[in-house]
Amino acid sequence: MKIEADQYRVNGYSEIERERLNLINSTYKTLEQLENYKNDTIHFEQQRAVNQVQQRVFQQALQGALGTLNTCLNNELHLRNISANIDMLGAMNKITD
């Protein structure tokens, strides 16, 4: 009977040790998964930040180009208006002569 009790005790200790090792392994796997999720999240956030910066730079470049284009067009329209006024003055001068 004593031998049988010792056998149960040894089996119980062995089972506890197996469960402890399983729990440690499971914890390491969970920690590894969490580390992977963390790294994926960091990568995602970095990529999102890069995309936002690229979008803002592109938007500012477009606004600058539009400003330059508008300035050029305004100058061209101004010159055309002056030219048209000169032509009208010339035509009026011919009429009054």
Protein backbone atom coordinates (compact mmCIF):
# COMPACT_ATOMS: atom_id res chain seq x y z
CA MET A 1 0.00 0.00 0.00
CA LYS A 2 2.85 2.33 0.82
CA ILE A 3 4.44 1.58 -2.53
CA GLU A 4 1.14 2.32 -4.23
CA ALA A 5 0.83 5.63 -2.37
CA ASP A 6 4.38 6.53 -3.34
CA GLN A 7 3.57 5.68 -6.95
CA TYR A 8 0.50 7.98 -6.89
CA ARG A 9 2.60 10.74 -5.34
CA VAL A 10 5.34 10.35 -7.99
CA ASN A 11 2.74 10.28 -10.76
CA GLY A 12 1.09 13.38 -9.27
CA TYR A 13 4.41 15.25 -9.15
CA SER A 14 5.16 14.20 -12.71
CA GLU A 15 1.75 15.44 -13.85
CA ILE A 16 2.25 18.74 -12.03
CA GLU A 17 5.68 19.16 -13.67
CA ARG A 18 4.23 18.43 -17.12
CA GLU A 19 1.45 20.97 -16.55
CA ARG A 20 3.99 23.52 -15.33
CA LEU A 21 6.12 23.02 -18.45
CA ASN A 22 3.04 23.22 -20.68
CA LEU A 23 2.02 26.46 -18.98
CA ILE A 24 5.54 27.92 -19.43
CA ASN A 25 5.57 26.93 -23.11
CA SER A 26 2.11 28.34 -23.63
CA THR A 27 3.14 31.59 -21.92
CA TYR A 28 6.22 31.90 -24.14
CA LYS A 29 4.11 31.33 -27.26
CA THR A 30 1.60 33.94 -26.12
CA LEU A 31 4.41 36.41 -25.41
CA GLU A 32 5.89 35.72 -28.83
CA GLN A 33 2.52 36.34 -30.49
CA LEU A 34 2.08 39.57 -28.54
CA GLU A 35 5.56 40.69 -29.61
CA ASN A 36 4.68 39.94 -33.23
CA TYR A 37 1.40 41.86 -32.92
CA LYS A 38 3.27 44.77 -31.35
CA ASN A 39 5.83 44.81 -34.15
CA ASP A 40 3.09 44.59 -36.79
CA THR A 41 1.25 47.48 -35.14
CA ILE A 42 4.42 49.58 -34.99
CA HIS A 43 5.13 48.82 -38.65
CA PHE A 44 1.56 49.70 -39.60
CA GLU A 45 1.67 52.99 -37.68
CA GLN A 46 5.04 53.89 -39.20
CA GLN A 47 3.72 53.19 -42.68
CA ARG A 48 0.61 55.23 -41.96
CA ALA A 49 2.76 58.15 -40.77
CA VAL A 50 4.95 57.92 -43.89
CA ASN A 51 1.84 57.88 -46.10
CA GLN A 52 0.43 60.93 -44.30
CA VAL A 53 3.71 62.82 -44.77
CA GLN A 54 3.87 61.85 -48.43
CA GLN A 55 0.28 62.98 -48.92
CA ARG A 56 0.95 66.32 -47.22
CA VAL A 57 4.14 66.93 -49.25
CA PHE A 58 2.29 66.07 -52.46
CA GLN A 59 -0.58 68.38 -51.48
CA GLN A 60 1.82 71.24 -50.73
CA ALA A 61 3.63 70.67 -54.02
CA LEU A 62 0.31 70.80 -55.89
CA GLN A 63 -0.68 73.99 -54.06
CA GLY A 64 2.68 75.55 -54.96
CA ALA A 65 2.30 74.55 -58.60
CA LEU A 66 -1.24 75.93 -58.65
CA GLY A 67 -0.04 79.22 -57.16
CA THR A 68 2.69 79.49 -59.78
CA LEU A 69 0.24 78.67 -62.54
CA ASN A 70 -2.26 81.26 -61.28
CA THR A 71 0.48 83.91 -61.07
CA CYS A 72 1.55 83.17 -64.63
CA LEU A 73 -2.04 83.24 -65.86
CA ASN A 74 -2.76 86.48 -64.03
CA ASN A 75 0.32 88.09 -65.60
CA GLU A 76 -0.70 86.81 -69.03
CA LEU A 77 -4.26 88.09 -68.59
CA HIS A 78 -2.92 91.42 -67.38
CA LEU A 79 -0.68 91.72 -70.44
CA ARG A 80 -3.56 90.76 -72.75
CA ASN A 81 -5.78 93.37 -71.10
CA ILE A 82 -3.12 96.06 -71.57
CA SER A 83 -2.67 95.00 -75.20
CA ALA A 84 -6.43 95.13 -75.80
CA ASN A 85 -6.62 98.60 -74.23
CA ILE A 86 -3.75 99.80 -76.43
CA ASP A 87 -5.51 98.39 -79.49
CA MET A 88 -8.75 100.19 -78.50
CA LEU A 89 -6.89 103.44 -77.93
CA GLY A 90 -5.24 103.03 -81.32
CA ALA A 91 -8.60 102.42 -82.95
CA MET A 92 -10.11 105.44 -81.18
CA ASN A 93 -7.16 107.55 -82.27
CA LYS A 94 -7.75 106.59 -85.88
CA ILE A 95 -11.43 107.48 -85.54
CA THR A 96 -10.68 110.89 -84.04
CA ASP A 97 -7.99 111.75 -86.58
